[in-house]
C-alpha atoms as a PDB file:
ATOM      1  CA  UNK A   1       0.140  -0.011   0.236  1.00  0.00           C
ATOM      2  CA  UNK A   2       1.554   3.598  -0.670  1.00  0.00           C
ATOM      3  CA  UNK A   3       2.413   5.291   1.980  1.00  0.00           C
ATOM      4  CA  UNK A   4       0.520   8.722   2.158  1.00  0.00           C
ATOM      5  CA  UNK A   5       1.884  12.389   2.744  1.00  0.00           C
ATOM      6  CA  UNK A   6      -0.159  14.717   4.404  1.00  0.00           C
ATOM      7  CA  UNK A   7       0.915  17.848   3.500  1.00  0.00           C
ATOM      8  CA  UNK A   8       0.988  21.449   5.631  1.00  0.00           C
ATOM      9  CA  UNK A   9      -1.717  23.905   4.169  1.00  0.00           C
ATOM     10  CA  UNK A  10      -3.131  27.338   5.500  1.00  0.00           C
ATOM     11  CA  UNK A  11      -6.945  28.684   4.574  1.00  0.00           C
ATOM     12  CA  UNK A  12      -6.389  31.984   4.061  1.00  0.00           C
ATOM     13  CA  UNK A  13      -9.989  33.612   5.367  1.00  0.00           C
ATOM     14  CA  UNK A  14     -10.224  37.423   4.911  1.00  0.00           C
ATOM     15  CA  UNK A  15     -11.529  39.655   8.256  1.00  0.00           C
ATOM     16  CA  UNK A  16     -15.311  39.724   7.225  1.00  0.00           C
ATOM     17  CA  UNK A  17     -15.293  35.539   6.715  1.00  0.00           C
ATOM     18  CA  UNK A  18     -13.053  35.155  10.080  1.00  0.00           C
ATOM     19  CA  UNK A  19     -16.128  37.435  12.098  1.00  0.00           C
ATOM     20  CA  UNK A  20     -18.472  35.113  10.823  1.00  0.00           C
ATOM     21  CA  UNK A  21     -16.972  31.791  11.710  1.00  0.00           C
ATOM     22  CA  UNK A  22     -19.558  29.677  13.776  1.00  0.00           C
ATOM     23  CA  UNK A  23     -21.916  32.475  12.836  1.00  0.00           C
ATOM     24  CA  UNK A  24     -25.247  30.845  12.524  1.00  0.00           C
ATOM     25  CA  UNK A  25     -24.550  28.893  16.384  1.00  0.00           C
ATOM     26  CA  UNK A  26     -22.613  31.969  18.379  1.00  0.00           C
ATOM     27  CA  UNK A  27     -24.369  34.265  20.095  1.00  0.00           C
ATOM     28  CA  UNK A  28     -22.149  37.175  22.216  1.00  0.00           C
ATOM     29  CA  UNK A  29     -23.961  38.221  25.267  1.00  0.00           C
ATOM     30  CA  UNK A  30     -21.762  41.457  26.989  1.00  0.00           C
ATOM     31  CA  UNK A  31     -22.957  44.323  29.349  1.00  0.00           C
ATOM     32  CA  UNK A  32     -25.430  47.046  28.045  1.00  0.00           C
ATOM     33  CA  UNK A  33     -27.159  50.188  29.278  1.00  0.00           C
ATOM     34  CA  UNK A  34     -30.440  50.626  28.526  1.00  0.00           C
ATOM     35  CA  UNK A  35     -32.860  52.899  29.519  1.00  0.00           C
ATOM     36  CA  UNK A  36     -34.326  51.061  32.037  1.00  0.00           C
ATOM     37  CA  UNK A  37     -30.383  51.108  33.044  1.00  0.00           C
ATOM     38  CA  UNK A  38     -27.804  47.792  32.953  1.00  0.00           C
ATOM     39  CA  UNK A  39     -28.791  44.497  31.015  1.00  0.00           C
ATOM     40  CA  UNK A  40     -26.827  41.860  28.693  1.00  0.00           C
ATOM     41  CA  UNK A  41     -27.418  42.125  25.060  1.00  0.00           C
ATOM     42  CA  UNK A  42     -27.363  39.508  23.063  1.00  0.00           C
ATOM     43  CA  UNK A  43     -25.578  39.817  19.857  1.00  0.00           C
ATOM     44  CA  UNK A  44     -24.828  37.205  16.636  1.00  0.00           C
ATOM     45  CA  UNK A  45     -21.016  37.261  15.620  1.00  0.00           C
ATOM     46  CA  UNK A  46     -21.806  40.048  12.644  1.00  0.00           C
ATOM     47  CA  UNK A  47     -23.327  42.156  15.671  1.00  0.00           C
ATOM     48  CA  UNK A  48     -26.516  41.790  14.962  1.00  0.00           C
ATOM     49  CA  UNK A  49     -28.614  42.850  18.516  1.00  0.00           C
ATOM     50  CA  UNK A  50     -30.921  39.205  19.065  1.00  0.00           C
ATOM     51  CA  UNK A  51     -32.056  40.005  22.281  1.00  0.00           C
ATOM     52  CA  UNK A  52     -31.631  41.748  26.205  1.00  0.00           C
ATOM     53  CA  UNK A  53     -31.834  40.060  29.618  1.00  0.00           C
ATOM     54  CA  UNK A  54     -32.033  41.655  32.946  1.00  0.00           C
ATOM     55  CA  UNK A  55     -29.289  39.117  34.233  1.00  0.00           C
ATOM     56  CA  UNK A  56     -26.597  37.426  32.145  1.00  0.00           C
ATOM     57  CA  UNK A  57     -27.825  34.166  33.156  1.00  0.00           C
ATOM     58  CA  UNK A  58     -30.953  34.830  31.492  1.00  0.00           C
ATOM     59  CA  UNK A  59     -29.116  36.404  28.574  1.00  0.00           C
ATOM     60  CA  UNK A  60     -27.492  32.684  28.362  1.00  0.00           C
ATOM     61  CA  UNK A  61     -30.407  30.691  28.913  1.00  0.00           C
ATOM     62  CA  UNK A  62     -32.447  32.392  25.842  1.00  0.00           C
ATOM     63  CA  UNK A  63     -29.566  31.894  23.442  1.00  0.00           C
ATOM     64  CA  UNK A  64     -29.429  27.994  24.682  1.00  0.00           C
ATOM     65  CA  UNK A  65     -33.231  28.065  24.199  1.00  0.00           C
ATOM     66  CA  UNK A  66     -32.943  29.165  21.075  1.00  0.00           C
ATOM     67  CA  UNK A  67     -30.074  26.743  20.009  1.00  0.00           C
ATOM     68  CA  UNK A  68     -27.028  29.080  19.812  1.00  0.00           C
ATOM     69  CA  UNK A  69     -24.262  28.881  21.965  1.00  0.00           C
ATOM     70  CA  UNK A  70     -23.678  31.838  23.958  1.00  0.00           C
ATOM     71  CA  UNK A  71     -20.327  33.332  24.567  1.00  0.00           C
ATOM     72  CA  UNK A  72     -18.944  36.119  26.850  1.00  0.00           C
ATOM     73  CA  UNK A  73     -17.977  39.723  25.524  1.00  0.00           C
ATOM     74  CA  UNK A  74     -16.162  42.013  28.258  1.00  0.00           C
END
């Protein structure tokens, strides 16, 4: 059987492609200010606002309910 050689290859991603990597699966959660005071915003990888929750744990729960993987951003 012939020996297979694995070559290292690099994939070039544009900044936009890199930003969208995992986009359909991730929800970014970060503190925000609203007219009612401090809250936690839920955002897509592209920065699109998806929702707001009064507490971090609720923001994470909301993301999980919508089959998204929540990630904190400070």
